Amino acid sequence: MRDQGRVTDYLDDYSPYLDQKWTDLVDGDLDSSLTNECVHLFVCEDCGLNDISS
């Protein structure tokens, strides 16, 4: 699995430049804004499977 970065970086063209404390509010993980963790997108290089993990 290859780490593709934060899930919120794919929301729009400006998302990668936004502060993490704001993008954590919309990343799908209710606790990420409290624990200072970000949710990343992982993609399998063999089959293309997408997985999201914090």
PDB file of N, CA and C in Angstrom:
ATOM      1  N   MET A   1       0.852  -1.176   0.000  1.00  0.00           N
ATOM      2  CA  MET A   1       0.000   0.000   0.000  1.00  0.00           C
ATOM      3  C   MET A   1       0.899   1.242   0.000  1.00  0.00           C
ATOM      4  N   ARG A   2       0.580   2.155  -0.852  1.00  0.00           N
ATOM      5  CA  ARG A   2       1.339   3.393  -0.949  1.00  0.00           C
ATOM      6  C   ARG A   2       0.526   4.530  -0.344  1.00  0.00           C
ATOM      7  N   ASP A   3       1.171   5.297   0.532  1.00  0.00           N
ATOM      8  CA  ASP A   3       0.532   6.438   1.177  1.00  0.00           C
ATOM      9  C   ASP A   3       0.424   7.586   0.173  1.00  0.00           C
ATOM     10  N   GLN A   4      -0.803   8.036  -0.078  1.00  0.00           N
ATOM     11  CA  GLN A   4      -1.057   9.113  -1.030  1.00  0.00           C
ATOM     12  C   GLN A   4      -1.241  10.472  -0.353  1.00  0.00           C
ATOM     13  N   GLY A   5      -1.112  10.518   0.967  1.00  0.00           N
ATOM     14  CA  GLY A   5      -1.265  11.779   1.690  1.00  0.00           C
ATOM     15  C   GLY A   5      -2.620  11.898   2.360  1.00  0.00           C
ATOM     16  N   ARG A   6      -2.869  13.077   2.876  1.00  0.00           N
ATOM     17  CA  ARG A   6      -4.109  13.319   3.610  1.00  0.00           C
ATOM     18  C   ARG A   6      -5.327  13.257   2.692  1.00  0.00           C
ATOM     19  N   VAL A   7      -6.388  12.656   3.171  1.00  0.00           N
ATOM     20  CA  VAL A   7      -7.636  12.553   2.408  1.00  0.00           C
ATOM     21  C   VAL A   7      -8.170  13.935   2.060  1.00  0.00           C
ATOM     22  N   THR A   8      -8.063  14.858   2.975  1.00  0.00           N
ATOM     23  CA  THR A   8      -8.608  16.195   2.752  1.00  0.00           C
ATOM     24  C   THR A   8      -7.853  16.965   1.674  1.00  0.00           C
ATOM     25  N   ASP A   9      -6.653  16.531   1.301  1.00  0.00           N
ATOM     26  CA  ASP A   9      -5.914  17.198   0.225  1.00  0.00           C
ATOM     27  C   ASP A   9      -6.591  17.011  -1.124  1.00  0.00           C
ATOM     28  N   TYR A  10      -7.507  16.056  -1.220  1.00  0.00           N
ATOM     29  CA  TYR A  10      -8.188  15.758  -2.475  1.00  0.00           C
ATOM     30  C   TYR A  10      -9.560  16.412  -2.583  1.00  0.00           C
ATOM     31  N   LEU A  11      -9.949  17.223  -1.604  1.00  0.00           N
ATOM     32  CA  LEU A  11     -11.276  17.848  -1.642  1.00  0.00           C
ATOM     33  C   LEU A  11     -11.395  18.881  -2.763  1.00  0.00           C
ATOM     34  N   ASP A  12     -10.402  19.726  -2.921  1.00  0.00           N
ATOM     35  CA  ASP A  12     -10.388  20.714  -4.003  1.00  0.00           C
ATOM     36  C   ASP A  12      -8.956  21.198  -4.215  1.00  0.00           C
ATOM     37  N   ASP A  13      -8.773  22.154  -5.110  1.00  0.00           N
ATOM     38  CA  ASP A  13      -7.429  22.612  -5.464  1.00  0.00           C
ATOM     39  C   ASP A  13      -6.682  23.288  -4.316  1.00  0.00           C
ATOM     40  N   TYR A  14      -7.400  23.888  -3.373  1.00  0.00           N
ATOM     41  CA  TYR A  14      -6.760  24.634  -2.307  1.00  0.00           C
ATOM     42  C   TYR A  14      -6.651  23.863  -0.998  1.00  0.00           C
ATOM     43  N   SER A  15      -7.252  22.701  -0.916  1.00  0.00           N
ATOM     44  CA  SER A  15      -7.244  21.917   0.325  1.00  0.00           C
ATOM     45  C   SER A  15      -5.848  21.615   0.878  1.00  0.00           C
ATOM     46  N   PRO A  16      -4.864  21.288   0.041  1.00  0.00           N
ATOM     47  CA  PRO A  16      -3.534  20.999   0.598  1.00  0.00           C
ATOM     48  C   PRO A  16      -2.905  22.189   1.323  1.00  0.00           C
ATOM     49  N   TYR A  17      -3.381  23.377   1.054  1.00  0.00           N
ATOM     50  CA  TYR A  17      -2.794  24.579   1.639  1.00  0.00           C
ATOM     51  C   TYR A  17      -3.528  25.067   2.885  1.00  0.00           C
ATOM     52  N   LEU A  18      -4.643  24.419   3.225  1.00  0.00           N
ATOM     53  CA  LEU A  18      -5.408  24.816   4.408  1.00  0.00           C
ATOM     54  C   LEU A  18      -4.777  24.258   5.671  1.00  0.00           C
ATOM     55  N   ASP A  19      -4.987  24.927   6.775  1.00  0.00           N
ATOM     56  CA  ASP A  19      -4.470  24.489   8.069  1.00  0.00           C
ATOM     57  C   ASP A  19      -5.127  23.172   8.474  1.00  0.00           C
ATOM     58  N   GLN A  20      -4.343  22.267   9.000  1.00  0.00           N
ATOM     59  CA  GLN A  20      -4.833  20.939   9.369  1.00  0.00           C
ATOM     60  C   GLN A  20      -5.930  21.003  10.423  1.00  0.00           C
ATOM     61  N   LYS A  21      -5.903  21.996  11.299  1.00  0.00           N
ATOM     62  CA  LYS A  21      -6.940  22.062  12.343  1.00  0.00           C
ATOM     63  C   LYS A  21      -8.322  22.288  11.751  1.00  0.00           C
ATOM     64  N   TRP A  22      -8.407  22.869  10.542  1.00  0.00           N
ATOM     65  CA  TRP A  22      -9.703  23.078   9.897  1.00  0.00           C
ATOM     66  C   TRP A  22     -10.090  21.885   9.039  1.00  0.00           C
ATOM     67  N   THR A  23      -9.140  21.311   8.342  1.00  0.00           N
ATOM     68  CA  THR A  23      -9.474  20.188   7.474  1.00  0.00           C
ATOM     69  C   THR A  23      -9.781  18.931   8.280  1.00  0.00           C
ATOM     70  N   ASP A  24      -9.261  18.824   9.502  1.00  0.00           N
ATOM     71  CA  ASP A  24      -9.589  17.678  10.357  1.00  0.00           C
ATOM     72  C   ASP A  24     -11.077  17.633  10.711  1.00  0.00           C
ATOM     73  N   LEU A  25     -11.746  18.756  10.609  1.00  0.00           N
ATOM     74  CA  LEU A  25     -13.177  18.806  10.927  1.00  0.00           C
ATOM     75  C   LEU A  25     -14.038  18.126   9.867  1.00  0.00           C
ATOM     76  N   VAL A  26     -13.494  17.910   8.666  1.00  0.00           N
ATOM     77  CA  VAL A  26     -14.279  17.330   7.575  1.00  0.00           C
ATOM     78  C   VAL A  26     -13.649  16.071   6.986  1.00  0.00           C
ATOM     79  N   ASP A  27     -12.722  15.436   7.700  1.00  0.00           N
ATOM     80  CA  ASP A  27     -12.016  14.283   7.131  1.00  0.00           C
ATOM     81  C   ASP A  27     -12.723  12.950   7.354  1.00  0.00           C
ATOM     82  N   GLY A  28     -13.844  12.960   8.059  1.00  0.00           N
ATOM     83  CA  GLY A  28     -14.599  11.732   8.275  1.00  0.00           C
ATOM     84  C   GLY A  28     -14.289  11.021   9.582  1.00  0.00           C
ATOM     85  N   ASP A  29     -13.269  11.468  10.296  1.00  0.00           N
ATOM     86  CA  ASP A  29     -12.910  10.883  11.589  1.00  0.00           C
ATOM     87  C   ASP A  29     -13.282  11.887  12.677  1.00  0.00           C
ATOM     88  N   LEU A  30     -14.233  11.525  13.506  1.00  0.00           N
ATOM     89  CA  LEU A  30     -14.723  12.457  14.527  1.00  0.00           C
ATOM     90  C   LEU A  30     -13.655  12.841  15.542  1.00  0.00           C
ATOM     91  N   ASP A  31     -12.682  11.978  15.793  1.00  0.00           N
ATOM     92  CA  ASP A  31     -11.668  12.244  16.818  1.00  0.00           C
ATOM     93  C   ASP A  31     -10.388  12.877  16.289  1.00  0.00           C
ATOM     94  N   SER A  32     -10.222  12.986  14.993  1.00  0.00           N
ATOM     95  CA  SER A  32      -8.950  13.469  14.454  1.00  0.00           C
ATOM     96  C   SER A  32      -8.626  14.899  14.874  1.00  0.00           C
ATOM     97  N   SER A  33      -9.632  15.733  15.034  1.00  0.00           N
ATOM     98  CA  SER A  33      -9.364  17.110  15.453  1.00  0.00           C
ATOM     99  C   SER A  33      -8.989  17.184  16.933  1.00  0.00           C
ATOM    100  N   LEU A  34      -9.381  16.183  17.702  1.00  0.00           N
ATOM    101  CA  LEU A  34      -9.034  16.153  19.128  1.00  0.00           C
ATOM    102  C   LEU A  34      -7.670  15.508  19.380  1.00  0.00           C
ATOM    103  N   THR A  35      -7.291  14.554  18.535  1.00  0.00           N
ATOM    104  CA  THR A  35      -6.064  13.792  18.758  1.00  0.00           C
ATOM    105  C   THR A  35      -4.885  14.251  17.907  1.00  0.00           C
ATOM    106  N   ASN A  36      -5.094  15.278  17.080  1.00  0.00           N
ATOM    107  CA  ASN A  36      -4.048  15.781  16.184  1.00  0.00           C
ATOM    108  C   ASN A  36      -3.550  14.722  15.215  1.00  0.00           C
ATOM    109  N   GLU A  37      -4.424  13.833  14.767  1.00  0.00           N
ATOM    110  CA  GLU A  37      -4.091  12.838  13.759  1.00  0.00           C
ATOM    111  C   GLU A  37      -4.812  13.194  12.473  1.00  0.00           C
ATOM    112  N   CYS A  38      -4.171  12.918  11.352  1.00  0.00           N
ATOM    113  CA  CYS A  38      -4.842  13.150  10.082  1.00  0.00           C
ATOM    114  C   CYS A  38      -5.109  11.811   9.400  1.00  0.00           C
ATOM    115  N   VAL A  39      -6.140  11.793   8.588  1.00  0.00           N
ATOM    116  CA  VAL A  39      -6.564  10.587   7.896  1.00  0.00           C
ATOM    117  C   VAL A  39      -5.894  10.562   6.522  1.00  0.00           C
ATOM    118  N   HIS A  40      -5.235   9.449   6.208  1.00  0.00           N
ATOM    119  CA  HIS A  40      -4.512   9.328   4.948  1.00  0.00           C
ATOM    120  C   HIS A  40      -5.183   8.341   4.013  1.00  0.00           C
ATOM    121  N   LEU A  41      -4.949   8.539   2.728  1.00  0.00           N
ATOM    122  CA  LEU A  41      -5.414   7.640   1.681  1.00  0.00           C
ATOM    123  C   LEU A  41      -4.271   6.713   1.298  1.00  0.00           C
ATOM    124  N   PHE A  42      -4.539   5.415   1.288  1.00  0.00           N
ATOM    125  CA  PHE A  42      -3.561   4.417   0.869  1.00  0.00           C
ATOM    126  C   PHE A  42      -4.104   3.704  -0.359  1.00  0.00           C
ATOM    127  N   VAL A  43      -3.238   3.464  -1.342  1.00  0.00           N
ATOM    128  CA  VAL A  43      -3.635   2.793  -2.575  1.00  0.00           C
ATOM    129  C   VAL A  43      -2.697   1.615  -2.822  1.00  0.00           C
ATOM    130  N   CYS A  44      -3.267   0.458  -3.112  1.00  0.00           N
ATOM    131  CA  CYS A  44      -2.491  -0.739  -3.438  1.00  0.00           C
ATOM    132  C   CYS A  44      -1.937  -0.581  -4.846  1.00  0.00           C
ATOM    133  N   GLU A  45      -0.633  -0.759  -4.996  1.00  0.00           N
ATOM    134  CA  GLU A  45       0.001  -0.607  -6.301  1.00  0.00           C
ATOM    135  C   GLU A  45      -0.328  -1.769  -7.238  1.00  0.00           C
ATOM    136  N   ASP A  46      -0.710  -2.910  -6.692  1.00  0.00           N
ATOM    137  CA  ASP A  46      -0.999  -4.079  -7.526  1.00  0.00           C
ATOM    138  C   ASP A  46      -2.428  -4.084  -8.053  1.00  0.00           C
ATOM    139  N   CYS A  47      -3.406  -3.839  -7.178  1.00  0.00           N
ATOM    140  CA  CYS A  47      -4.801  -3.969  -7.607  1.00  0.00           C
ATOM    141  C   CYS A  47      -5.569  -2.645  -7.640  1.00  0.00           C
ATOM    142  N   GLY A  48      -4.990  -1.565  -7.090  1.00  0.00           N
ATOM    143  CA  GLY A  48      -5.660  -0.276  -7.105  1.00  0.00           C
ATOM    144  C   GLY A  48      -6.653  -0.065  -5.977  1.00  0.00           C
ATOM    145  N   LEU A  49      -6.702  -0.992  -5.016  1.00  0.00           N
ATOM    146  CA  LEU A  49      -7.612  -0.864  -3.877  1.00  0.00           C
ATOM    147  C   LEU A  49      -7.298   0.396  -3.087  1.00  0.00           C
ATOM    148  N   ASN A  50      -8.323   1.151  -2.718  1.00  0.00           N
ATOM    149  CA  ASN A  50      -8.178   2.356  -1.897  1.00  0.00           C
ATOM    150  C   ASN A  50      -8.563   2.036  -0.465  1.00  0.00           C
ATOM    151  N   ASP A  51      -7.790   2.547   0.490  1.00  0.00           N
ATOM    152  CA  ASP A  51      -8.099   2.367   1.901  1.00  0.00           C
ATOM    153  C   ASP A  51      -7.801   3.673   2.608  1.00  0.00           C
ATOM    154  N   ILE A  52      -8.596   3.998   3.592  1.00  0.00           N
ATOM    155  CA  ILE A  52      -8.417   5.225   4.371  1.00  0.00           C
ATOM    156  C   ILE A  52      -8.102   4.833   5.802  1.00  0.00           C
ATOM    157  N   SER A  53      -7.048   5.445   6.357  1.00  0.00           N
ATOM    158  CA  SER A  53      -6.623   5.101   7.706  1.00  0.00           C
ATOM    159  C   SER A  53      -6.035   6.319   8.401  1.00  0.00           C
ATOM    160  N   SER A  54      -6.192   6.353   9.715  1.00  0.00           N
ATOM    161  CA  SER A  54      -5.580   7.446  10.485  1.00  0.00           C
ATOM    162  C   SER A  54      -4.435   6.921  11.303  1.00  0.00           C
TER     163      SER A  54
END
